[in-house]
C-alpha atoms as a PDB file:
ATOM      1  CA  MET A   1     116.091  -6.963-165.285  1.00  0.00           C
ATOM      2  CA  TYR A   2     118.853  -9.460-166.025  1.00  0.00           C
ATOM      3  CA  TYR A   3     118.097 -12.725-167.801  1.00  0.00           C
ATOM      4  CA  ARG A   4     119.948 -16.018-167.509  1.00  0.00           C
ATOM      5  CA  LEU A   5     119.957 -17.864-170.831  1.00  0.00           C
ATOM      6  CA  ARG A   6     120.297 -21.451-171.961  1.00  0.00           C
ATOM      7  CA  LEU A   7     121.362 -22.350-175.499  1.00  0.00           C
ATOM      8  CA  THR A   8     120.257 -25.672-176.967  1.00  0.00           C
ATOM      9  CA  ASN A   9     122.274 -26.676-180.036  1.00  0.00           C
ATOM     10  CA  TYR A  10     120.381 -28.525-182.768  1.00  0.00           C
ATOM     11  CA  PHE A  11     123.449 -30.428-183.951  1.00  0.00           C
ATOM     12  CA  ASP A  12     121.725 -33.167-185.985  1.00  0.00           C
ATOM     13  CA  ILE A  13     119.134 -31.988-188.516  1.00  0.00           C
ATOM     14  CA  TRP A  14     117.335 -34.100-191.099  1.00  0.00           C
ATOM     15  CA  GLY A  15     115.454 -32.880-194.146  1.00  0.00           C
ATOM     16  CA  ASN A  16     115.813 -30.059-196.614  1.00  0.00           C
ATOM     17  CA  LYS A  17     114.428 -26.618-197.435  1.00  0.00           C
ATOM     18  CA  LYS A  18     111.722 -27.963-199.750  1.00  0.00           C
ATOM     19  CA  ASP A  19     110.346 -30.725-197.495  1.00  0.00           C
ATOM     20  CA  GLY A  20     111.134 -29.096-194.169  1.00  0.00           C
ATOM     21  CA  TRP A  21     113.578 -29.670-191.353  1.00  0.00           C
ATOM     22  CA  GLU A  22     113.424 -32.008-188.377  1.00  0.00           C
ATOM     23  CA  VAL A  23     115.662 -31.825-185.315  1.00  0.00           C
ATOM     24  CA  ASN A  24     117.024 -35.325-184.777  1.00  0.00           C
ATOM     25  CA  ASN A  25     119.371 -34.583-181.875  1.00  0.00           C
ATOM     26  CA  GLN A  26     120.238 -31.665-179.620  1.00  0.00           C
ATOM     27  CA  CYS A  27     122.345 -30.762-176.606  1.00  0.00           C
ATOM     28  CA  ILE A  28     122.692 -27.908-174.141  1.00  0.00           C
ATOM     29  CA  GLU A  29     125.697 -25.773-175.098  1.00  0.00           C
ATOM     30  CA  TRP A  30     125.542 -23.478-172.077  1.00  0.00           C
ATOM     31  CA  ASP A  31     123.128 -22.304-169.419  1.00  0.00           C
ATOM     32  CA  ASP A  32     125.147 -19.695-167.575  1.00  0.00           C
ATOM     33  CA  VAL A  33     125.039 -16.572-169.751  1.00  0.00           C
ATOM     34  CA  TRP A  34     123.409 -13.472-168.289  1.00  0.00           C
ATOM     35  CA  THR A  35     122.234 -10.459-170.283  1.00  0.00           C
ATOM     36  CA  LYS A  36     120.219  -7.350-169.712  1.00  0.00           C
ATOM     37  CA  ASP A  37     119.006  -7.040-173.304  1.00  0.00           C
ATOM     38  CA  LEU A  38     117.139  -9.586-175.416  1.00  0.00           C
ATOM     39  CA  ASP A  39     117.219  -7.764-178.752  1.00  0.00           C
ATOM     40  CA  ASN A  40     118.462  -9.611-181.837  1.00  0.00           C
ATOM     41  CA  ARG A  41     121.813  -7.798-182.008  1.00  0.00           C
ATOM     42  CA  THR A  42     122.625  -8.650-178.389  1.00  0.00           C
ATOM     43  CA  LEU A  43     121.645 -12.293-178.898  1.00  0.00           C
ATOM     44  CA  LEU A  44     123.795 -12.462-182.050  1.00  0.00           C
ATOM     45  CA  LYS A  45     126.765 -11.013-180.134  1.00  0.00           C
ATOM     46  CA  ILE A  46     126.307 -13.576-177.354  1.00  0.00           C
ATOM     47  CA  LEU A  47     126.183 -16.427-179.889  1.00  0.00           C
ATOM     48  CA  LYS A  48     129.414 -15.177-181.492  1.00  0.00           C
ATOM     49  CA  ASP A  49     131.180 -14.498-178.184  1.00  0.00           C
ATOM     50  CA  THR A  50     130.410 -18.011-176.916  1.00  0.00           C
ATOM     51  CA  GLY A  51     131.655 -19.601-180.152  1.00  0.00           C
ATOM     52  CA  PHE A  52     128.289 -20.926-181.290  1.00  0.00           C
ATOM     53  CA  LEU A  53     128.356 -18.770-184.435  1.00  0.00           C
ATOM     54  CA  GLN A  54     131.384 -17.661-186.419  1.00  0.00           C
ATOM     55  CA  LYS A  55     132.500 -14.034-186.084  1.00  0.00           C
ATOM     56  CA  HIS A  56     131.645 -13.196-189.723  1.00  0.00           C
ATOM     57  CA  VAL A  57     127.907 -14.051-189.379  1.00  0.00           C
ATOM     58  CA  ARG A  58     125.733 -10.955-189.852  1.00  0.00           C
ATOM     59  CA  ILE A  59     122.361 -10.034-188.366  1.00  0.00           C
ATOM     60  CA  ASN A  60     120.664 -10.343-191.771  1.00  0.00           C
ATOM     61  CA  GLN A  61     121.729 -14.010-192.020  1.00  0.00           C
ATOM     62  CA  ILE A  62     119.962 -15.191-188.848  1.00  0.00           C
ATOM     63  CA  ASP A  63     116.329 -15.231-187.742  1.00  0.00           C
ATOM     64  CA  PHE A  64     115.295 -15.053-184.089  1.00  0.00           C
ATOM     65  CA  GLU A  65     111.678 -16.148-183.646  1.00  0.00           C
ATOM     66  CA  TRP A  66     110.204 -15.757-180.175  1.00  0.00           C
ATOM     67  CA  LEU A  67     107.688 -18.562-179.651  1.00  0.00           C
ATOM     68  CA  GLY A  68     106.611 -17.161-176.323  1.00  0.00           C
ATOM     69  CA  PRO A  69     107.986 -14.895-173.642  1.00  0.00           C
ATOM     70  CA  GLU A  70     110.826 -17.272-172.719  1.00  0.00           C
ATOM     71  CA  CYS A  71     111.770 -19.271-175.852  1.00  0.00           C
ATOM     72  CA  CYS A  72     113.468 -18.117-179.049  1.00  0.00           C
ATOM     73  CA  GLU A  73     114.177 -20.353-182.047  1.00  0.00           C
ATOM     74  CA  ILE A  74     117.314 -19.539-184.077  1.00  0.00           C
ATOM     75  CA  SER A  75     117.547 -20.374-187.776  1.00  0.00           C
ATOM     76  CA  ALA A  76     119.476 -19.463-190.911  1.00  0.00           C
ATOM     77  CA  ARG A  77     117.455 -16.905-192.840  1.00  0.00           C
ATOM     78  CA  ARG A  78     118.185 -18.125-196.394  1.00  0.00           C
ATOM     79  CA  ASN A  79     116.867 -21.675-195.957  1.00  0.00           C
ATOM     80  CA  HIS A  80     115.260 -21.656-192.476  1.00  0.00           C
ATOM     81  CA  TYR A  81     117.789 -24.282-191.310  1.00  0.00           C
ATOM     82  CA  PRO A  82     117.253 -24.672-187.537  1.00  0.00           C
ATOM     83  CA  LEU A  83     120.364 -23.884-185.499  1.00  0.00           C
ATOM     84  CA  GLY A  84     119.148 -23.930-181.928  1.00  0.00           C
ATOM     85  CA  ARG A  85     117.006 -22.427-179.211  1.00  0.00           C
ATOM     86  CA  ILE A  86     117.582 -19.791-176.549  1.00  0.00           C
ATOM     87  CA  GLU A  87     115.513 -20.006-173.384  1.00  0.00           C
ATOM     88  CA  ILE A  88     115.247 -17.660-170.424  1.00  0.00           C
ATOM     89  CA  ILE A  89     115.792 -19.870-167.396  1.00  0.00           C
ATOM     90  CA  ASP A  90     116.155 -17.267-164.639  1.00  0.00           C
ATOM     91  CA  GLN A  91     115.626 -13.569-163.991  1.00  0.00           C
ATOM     92  CA  MET A  92     117.188 -11.139-161.554  1.00  0.00           C
ATOM     93  CA  GLU A  93     116.125  -7.605-160.701  1.00  0.00           C
ATOM     94  CA  ASP A  94     118.519  -4.697-161.256  1.00  0.00           C
ATOM     95  CA  ASP A  95     120.098  -3.350-158.101  1.00  0.00           C
END
């Protein structure tokens, strides 16, 4: 199965680690990336390859939290700062 993904960028965040974070504004970065795998390492590679995350970011610095079968929240591990959301918006069977 291949999955078409959409990345929503949480580019305006209010709050702090102690009191919590609130997404004030967001935008769709892309919605045309296809992948066969949905594991954390593959998602991290996609985020780096598309320029959303810098190349030096490591897997132990990011959390991927699946909120359901089609929505994954992305945050910084050290302070839970929300970065964005990946959604599965289409699926295609393998040939």
